[in-house]
Protein backbone atom coordinates (compact mmCIF):
# COMPACT_ATOMS: atom_id res chain seq x y z
CA MET A 1 48.70 99.55 96.11
CA LEU A 2 45.84 97.41 97.38
CA LEU A 3 43.67 98.92 100.13
CA ARG A 4 41.00 97.32 102.25
CA THR A 5 38.35 99.96 102.44
CA ASP A 6 34.74 100.66 101.80
CA LYS A 7 35.30 104.38 101.36
CA PRO A 8 34.20 105.73 97.97
CA LYS A 9 37.08 108.26 97.96
CA ILE A 10 40.63 108.03 99.32
CA LYS A 11 43.10 110.90 99.84
CA TRP A 12 46.66 110.01 99.18
CA ARG A 13 49.96 111.81 99.23
CA GLU A 14 53.24 110.81 97.62
CA GLU A 15 56.60 112.25 98.58
CA PHE A 16 59.15 111.41 95.85
CA THR A 17 62.72 112.21 96.94
CA LEU A 18 65.64 112.19 94.45
CA PRO A 19 69.30 112.33 95.31
CA ALA A 20 69.68 115.66 93.47
CA LYS A 21 67.42 118.13 91.70
CA PRO A 22 66.28 116.81 88.29
CA ASP A 23 66.30 118.87 85.14
CA THR A 24 62.47 118.87 85.30
CA TRP A 25 59.64 117.25 87.27
CA GLY A 26 57.65 116.92 84.01
CA ASN A 27 54.25 118.24 83.10
CA PRO A 28 51.89 119.74 85.67
CA GLU A 29 49.83 117.30 87.79
CA PRO A 30 46.52 116.83 85.87
CA LEU A 31 44.51 115.00 88.54
CA GLY A 32 45.53 116.63 91.81
CA THR A 33 48.17 118.99 93.12
CA ARG A 34 51.99 118.83 92.97
CA SER A 35 54.51 120.96 94.81
CA VAL A 36 58.29 120.81 94.77
CA SER A 37 60.60 121.46 97.73
CA THR A 38 62.74 124.59 97.71
CA ASP A 39 65.87 122.55 97.00
CA GLY A 40 64.10 120.87 94.06
CA ARG A 41 64.75 117.32 95.28
CA VAL A 42 61.24 116.39 96.57
CA SER A 43 58.03 116.28 94.61
CA ILE A 44 54.80 116.08 96.69
CA THR A 45 51.75 114.91 94.81
CA GLU A 46 48.28 114.83 96.44
CA ARG A 47 45.13 113.29 94.98
CA GLU A 48 41.66 112.25 95.99
CA VAL A 49 40.63 109.07 94.07
CA SER A 50 37.99 106.36 93.93
CA PRO A 51 39.78 103.03 94.46
CA GLU A 52 38.89 100.46 91.80
CA ARG A 53 38.49 97.15 93.68
CA GLY A 54 40.61 98.72 96.41
CA ILE A 55 43.54 99.55 94.09
CA ILE A 56 45.18 102.97 93.83
CA PHE A 57 48.29 103.69 91.77
CA ASN A 58 50.62 106.27 90.35
CA SER A 59 53.55 105.92 87.98
CA TRP A 60 56.79 107.66 87.16
CA ALA A 61 59.47 107.11 84.52
CA VAL A 62 63.17 107.85 84.57
CA ALA A 63 63.90 110.61 82.05
CA PRO A 64 67.01 112.17 80.55
CA GLY A 65 68.49 114.55 83.13
CA ASP A 66 67.26 112.56 86.12
CA PRO A 67 70.05 112.13 88.67
CA LYS A 68 71.69 108.83 89.46
CA GLY A 69 71.41 107.44 92.96
CA ARG A 70 68.84 106.40 95.57
CA TYR A 71 65.20 107.34 94.98
CA VAL A 72 62.61 107.12 97.76
CA ILE A 73 58.83 107.22 97.38
CA ARG A 74 56.75 107.56 100.59
CA VAL A 75 52.98 107.05 100.22
CA PHE A 76 50.52 108.31 102.77
CA ILE A 77 46.90 107.20 102.84
CA GLU A 78 44.50 109.52 104.70
CA GLY A 79 47.53 111.12 106.36
CA VAL A 80 49.14 107.83 107.55
CA LEU A 81 52.41 106.52 106.11
CA ALA A 82 51.34 103.37 104.26
CA SER A 83 54.42 102.32 102.30
CA VAL A 84 57.97 103.28 101.34
CA PHE A 85 59.52 102.30 98.07
CA GLU A 86 63.29 102.69 97.48
CA PHE A 87 65.31 101.99 94.41
CA ASP A 88 68.53 103.04 92.72
CA VAL A 89 68.99 104.63 89.35
CA GLN A 90 72.36 103.98 87.75
């Protein structure tokens, strides 16, 4: 995600919602914090990063045991909803 900022550090939050609870959310978050909703469908990752040329990013991969259906990723920058990504896993 490209940001227009002069700030040396940016706080972002990602809310990743799956259609059903996955078998696992993977390894612990190495660079920030991750929590999972009580129903297991939403992973919330928070980090503070230094944008390289205004770019911040994160990545996920579909793994065995991940549910089929609509996935939604909501990204917040400094507490403000910046973007929503939606896609289907079949």
